[in-house]
Protein backbone atom coordinates (compact mmCIF):
# COMPACT_ATOMS: atom_id res chain seq x y z
CA MET A 1 -250.39 83.73 -23.09
CA LYS A 2 -246.89 82.37 -24.33
CA ASN A 3 -247.54 83.08 -27.79
CA LEU A 4 -248.92 86.76 -27.53
CA GLU A 5 -246.07 88.52 -28.52
CA LYS A 6 -245.53 86.54 -31.34
CA ILE A 7 -249.65 86.59 -32.50
CA ILE A 8 -249.03 90.54 -32.49
CA PHE A 9 -245.98 90.30 -34.12
CA GLU A 10 -246.98 88.30 -37.02
CA LEU A 11 -250.47 90.24 -37.11
CA ASP A 12 -248.49 93.48 -37.73
CA LYS A 13 -246.31 92.53 -40.40
CA HIS A 14 -249.73 90.74 -42.26
CA THR A 15 -252.03 93.00 -41.75
CA LYS A 16 -250.10 96.03 -43.70
CA LYS A 17 -251.39 94.63 -47.11
CA PHE A 18 -254.96 95.20 -46.33
CA SER A 19 -256.63 98.71 -45.94
CA PRO A 20 -256.74 100.22 -42.77
CA PRO A 21 -259.32 100.48 -39.92
CA LEU A 22 -262.13 103.38 -40.32
CA ILE A 23 -260.53 106.07 -37.49
CA ASN A 24 -256.71 105.45 -38.87
CA THR A 25 -258.31 106.32 -42.20
CA VAL A 26 -259.85 109.48 -40.66
CA ILE A 27 -256.74 110.27 -39.19
CA ASP A 28 -254.66 110.03 -42.30
CA GLU A 29 -257.02 112.26 -44.02
CA TYR A 30 -257.95 115.15 -41.58
CA GLY A 31 -255.33 114.40 -38.50
CA LYS A 32 -255.52 113.65 -35.00
CA GLN A 33 -258.83 115.49 -34.07
CA PRO A 34 -260.88 114.53 -31.25
CA PHE A 35 -264.39 115.48 -32.46
CA LEU A 36 -264.05 114.21 -36.23
CA ILE A 37 -262.91 110.64 -34.71
CA LEU A 38 -265.94 111.02 -32.17
CA ILE A 39 -268.28 111.37 -35.01
CA ALA A 40 -266.47 108.50 -37.42
CA CYS A 41 -266.81 106.53 -34.64
CA LEU A 42 -270.43 107.17 -34.24
CA LEU A 43 -271.29 107.19 -37.82
CA SER A 44 -269.51 103.47 -37.65
CA LEU A 45 -271.80 102.04 -35.22
CA ARG A 46 -273.47 99.13 -37.45
CA THR A 47 -272.10 100.22 -40.41
CA LYS A 48 -269.03 98.72 -42.78
CA ASP A 49 -265.70 100.53 -42.55
CA VAL A 50 -265.65 100.85 -46.47
CA MET A 51 -269.38 102.71 -46.54
CA THR A 52 -268.52 104.80 -43.48
CA ILE A 53 -265.80 106.60 -44.85
CA HIS A 54 -267.43 108.11 -47.87
CA VAL A 55 -270.04 109.27 -45.71
CA VAL A 56 -267.52 110.61 -42.99
CA ARG A 57 -265.88 112.55 -46.09
CA ASP A 58 -269.35 114.18 -47.66
CA LEU A 59 -270.20 114.99 -44.04
CA PHE A 60 -267.01 116.72 -43.41
CA ASN A 61 -267.06 118.16 -46.79
CA ARG A 62 -270.29 119.95 -46.25
CA VAL A 63 -268.95 121.82 -43.31
CA ALA A 64 -265.55 122.66 -44.28
CA PRO A 65 -265.01 122.18 -48.39
CA ARG A 66 -261.52 120.42 -49.14
CA PRO A 67 -260.38 120.60 -52.92
CA ASP A 68 -258.68 116.90 -52.26
CA LEU A 69 -261.64 115.24 -50.62
CA LYS A 70 -264.45 115.48 -52.61
CA ALA A 71 -267.57 113.57 -53.83
CA GLY A 72 -266.60 110.85 -51.13
CA ARG A 73 -263.32 109.77 -52.18
CA ALA A 74 -259.82 110.69 -51.50
CA ASN A 75 -257.39 111.71 -54.06
CA LYS A 76 -254.85 109.18 -54.16
CA SER A 77 -252.18 111.46 -56.21
CA GLU A 78 -251.87 113.49 -53.21
CA LYS A 79 -252.01 112.48 -49.50
CA ALA A 80 -254.65 114.34 -48.20
CA THR A 81 -252.37 115.50 -44.52
CA GLN A 82 -250.76 117.25 -47.35
CA GLY A 83 -253.58 119.01 -48.42
CA LEU A 84 -255.40 121.85 -46.62
CA PRO A 85 -256.43 121.85 -42.99
CA ILE A 86 -259.85 121.47 -41.78
CA LEU A 87 -261.63 121.78 -38.54
CA VAL A 88 -264.96 121.15 -38.06
CA LEU A 89 -266.52 121.92 -34.47
CA PRO A 90 -269.88 120.78 -32.96
CA GLN A 91 -271.45 124.08 -33.65
CA ASP A 92 -271.09 123.61 -37.68
CA ILE A 93 -272.94 120.47 -37.16
CA LEU A 94 -275.58 121.68 -35.70
CA GLN A 95 -276.12 124.31 -38.21
CA ILE A 96 -276.99 121.49 -40.87
CA LYS A 97 -280.68 120.95 -40.86
CA LEU A 98 -281.96 117.51 -39.33
CA SER A 99 -283.50 116.50 -43.12
CA GLU A 100 -280.28 117.64 -44.99
CA LEU A 101 -277.97 115.87 -42.00
CA GLU A 102 -280.02 112.84 -42.21
CA LYS A 103 -279.72 112.69 -46.11
CA ILE A 104 -275.85 112.76 -45.73
CA ILE A 105 -275.45 109.99 -43.58
CA PHE A 106 -278.29 107.71 -45.23
CA ARG A 107 -276.20 105.48 -46.10
CA THR A 108 -274.78 104.06 -42.67
CA GLY A 109 -278.22 102.98 -41.68
CA PHE A 110 -280.31 103.77 -38.80
CA TYR A 111 -279.64 107.31 -40.49
CA LYS A 112 -282.36 109.21 -38.40
CA ASN A 113 -281.36 107.59 -35.08
CA LYS A 114 -277.61 108.70 -35.89
CA ALA A 115 -278.62 112.08 -37.31
CA LYS A 116 -280.35 112.88 -33.81
CA VAL A 117 -277.12 111.18 -31.69
CA LEU A 118 -274.96 113.52 -33.66
CA ARG A 119 -276.78 116.57 -32.75
CA GLU A 120 -277.39 115.58 -29.08
CA VAL A 121 -273.62 114.84 -28.56
CA CYS A 122 -272.76 118.08 -30.35
CA ASN A 123 -275.22 119.55 -27.72
CA THR A 124 -273.69 117.76 -24.88
CA LEU A 125 -270.04 118.78 -26.16
CA ILE A 126 -270.97 122.42 -26.16
CA GLU A 127 -273.01 122.88 -22.85
CA LYS A 128 -270.73 120.54 -20.54
CA PHE A 129 -267.61 120.49 -22.24
CA GLY A 130 -267.05 124.08 -23.77
CA GLY A 131 -267.05 122.61 -27.28
CA GLN A 132 -264.07 119.99 -26.58
CA VAL A 133 -264.31 116.39 -26.73
CA PRO A 134 -263.33 114.99 -23.02
CA SER A 135 -260.36 113.20 -22.69
CA SER A 136 -261.60 110.53 -19.44
CA TYR A 137 -263.50 107.57 -19.95
CA GLU A 138 -266.02 108.97 -17.60
CA GLU A 139 -266.58 111.83 -18.72
CA LEU A 140 -267.23 110.56 -22.46
CA ILE A 141 -269.96 107.63 -21.63
CA SER A 142 -271.71 110.20 -19.34
CA ILE A 143 -272.56 111.82 -22.97
CA ASN A 144 -275.97 110.40 -24.11
CA GLY A 145 -274.67 108.41 -27.31
CA VAL A 146 -271.48 107.05 -26.15
CA GLY A 147 -270.86 103.91 -25.24
CA PRO A 148 -267.90 101.73 -24.21
CA LYS A 149 -266.80 100.85 -27.11
CA THR A 150 -266.67 104.53 -28.59
CA ALA A 151 -265.19 105.65 -25.29
CA ASN A 152 -262.42 103.43 -25.29
CA LEU A 153 -261.83 103.80 -29.09
CA VAL A 154 -261.43 108.12 -29.19
CA LEU A 155 -259.50 107.62 -25.90
CA GLY A 156 -256.61 105.23 -27.70
CA MET A 157 -256.76 107.00 -31.02
CA ALA A 158 -257.92 111.00 -30.75
CA PHE A 159 -255.90 110.87 -26.90
CA ASP A 160 -253.35 108.04 -27.03
CA VAL A 161 -254.54 107.06 -23.62
CA PRO A 162 -254.40 103.11 -23.38
CA ALA A 163 -257.54 101.50 -23.85
CA ILE A 164 -259.03 98.72 -25.57
CA CYS A 165 -262.12 98.89 -28.04
CA VAL A 166 -264.00 95.75 -28.38
CA ASP A 167 -265.78 95.58 -30.79
CA THR A 168 -267.17 92.03 -33.02
CA HIS A 169 -263.83 91.31 -34.22
CA VAL A 170 -261.89 91.63 -30.88
CA HIS A 171 -264.47 89.97 -29.17
CA ARG A 172 -264.70 87.02 -31.60
CA ILE A 173 -260.77 86.49 -32.25
CA SER A 174 -259.58 86.83 -28.87
CA ASN A 175 -261.96 84.18 -27.90
CA ARG A 176 -261.34 81.90 -31.18
CA LEU A 177 -257.50 82.45 -30.06
CA GLY A 178 -258.15 80.88 -26.83
CA ILE A 179 -256.57 83.93 -25.32
CA ILE A 180 -259.56 84.43 -23.14
CA LYS A 181 -263.16 82.53 -22.81
CA THR A 182 -265.94 85.44 -22.29
CA LYS A 183 -269.59 85.79 -23.89
CA THR A 184 -269.63 89.59 -23.81
CA ALA A 185 -268.23 92.57 -24.83
CA GLU A 186 -267.95 93.61 -21.22
CA GLN A 187 -266.40 90.67 -19.72
CA THR A 188 -263.84 90.68 -23.02
CA LEU A 189 -263.03 94.12 -21.90
CA ILE A 190 -262.52 92.91 -18.66
CA ALA A 191 -260.23 89.62 -19.55
CA LEU A 192 -258.04 91.59 -22.41
CA GLU A 193 -257.15 94.01 -19.62
CA LYS A 194 -255.35 91.44 -17.68
CA VAL A 195 -254.16 89.24 -20.31
CA LEU A 196 -252.70 91.83 -22.91
CA PRO A 197 -249.69 94.08 -21.58
CA ARG A 198 -250.78 97.83 -21.32
CA ASN A 199 -248.65 98.96 -23.94
CA ARG A 200 -250.70 96.74 -26.45
CA TRP A 201 -254.14 97.74 -25.66
CA ILE A 202 -254.59 100.14 -28.64
CA LEU A 203 -253.13 98.17 -31.00
CA TRP A 204 -255.14 94.87 -30.53
CA ASN A 205 -257.96 96.50 -31.77
CA LYS A 206 -256.43 97.68 -34.90
CA LEU A 207 -254.92 94.58 -35.83
CA LEU A 208 -257.95 92.31 -35.02
CA VAL A 209 -260.14 94.32 -36.84
CA ILE A 210 -258.31 94.12 -39.73
CA TRP A 211 -257.87 90.54 -39.48
CA GLY A 212 -261.25 90.08 -38.82
CA GLN A 213 -262.50 91.77 -41.93
CA ASN A 214 -259.96 90.02 -44.26
CA VAL A 215 -258.95 86.70 -42.98
CA CYS A 216 -260.60 85.61 -39.99
CA LEU A 217 -263.99 85.89 -40.78
CA PRO A 218 -267.15 85.20 -38.61
CA ARG A 219 -268.62 82.00 -40.27
CA ALA A 220 -265.77 80.76 -42.52
CA PRO A 221 -262.29 81.56 -41.38
CA LYS A 222 -259.57 81.76 -44.04
CA CYS A 223 -257.43 79.34 -41.28
CA ALA A 224 -255.35 77.98 -44.54
CA ILE A 225 -253.76 81.30 -45.09
CA CYS A 226 -253.72 82.69 -41.79
CA ALA A 227 -250.41 84.02 -40.63
CA ILE A 228 -251.11 82.98 -36.90
CA ASN A 229 -252.85 79.74 -37.76
CA LYS A 230 -250.60 78.03 -35.52
CA TYR A 231 -251.18 79.68 -32.38
CA CYS A 232 -254.72 79.47 -32.46
CA ALA A 233 -257.06 77.15 -30.70
CA LYS A 234 -259.48 77.70 -33.05
CA VAL A 235 -262.47 77.80 -30.60
CA GLY A 236 -265.84 77.64 -32.08
CA VAL A 237 -264.21 77.04 -35.50
CA LYS A 238 -266.36 74.23 -37.75
CA ARG A 239 -265.26 74.91 -41.14
CA PHE A 240 -262.76 77.23 -42.74
CA VAL A 241 -262.19 78.12 -46.40
CA ALA A 242 -259.29 76.99 -47.81
CA PRO A 243 -257.38 78.07 -51.35
CA GLY A 244 -259.12 76.77 -54.32
CA CYS A 245 -262.02 75.59 -52.92
CA SER A 246 -265.14 77.24 -52.09
CA ILE A 247 -266.07 76.14 -47.74
CA CYS A 248 -263.81 73.60 -46.51
CA TYR A 249 -265.43 71.72 -43.66
């Protein structure tokens, strides 16, 4: 697609005014720790970022208290990365009783299943990988509870390995732009790997997640204020939201 770099440039410029995705926030507050990133990814499944980040802070604070991150919110007067270091290990999560773990992560939804998955993942990391998060796709997806989306997000964000994390926003917007034509996340991953430069794979997810949460909404995208409107094929768009009105058709 000839306008791909223009799209990336505009998105990179205009997404800065919005809150970053969950994993970027986790890295800002706790550093690039693969285990914390993996846990945050697992908690975020089928949950909005704005809710997940509070639960992530509560969970990490339970096993490794941070004075600058209390009651599920960051101290805005001080960068968390300038505060105390935090180190959470798989065995720390396993020391939490299942009932308490469920209570901590209750707000993420599907909390009973997620609690079991967290414990199973932690056990697998200890038994098969010496307590460390593996840095290869094959090893990551060999862990029960870790799928392609989570594996690729961990690879990109924790290890800087070029990988495309295809979530609902990446799948929807990539097709809406007309860059690809796919029906499933698996097809989208294969298609994007062919059209996106390898050095853009990690960035693509970040940009489209932010844009999908704030502008390119699923049902009524804000096309009238979209910075990449002129480059978009608007595939499947039947209505949009314009400034000053509710829903414009």
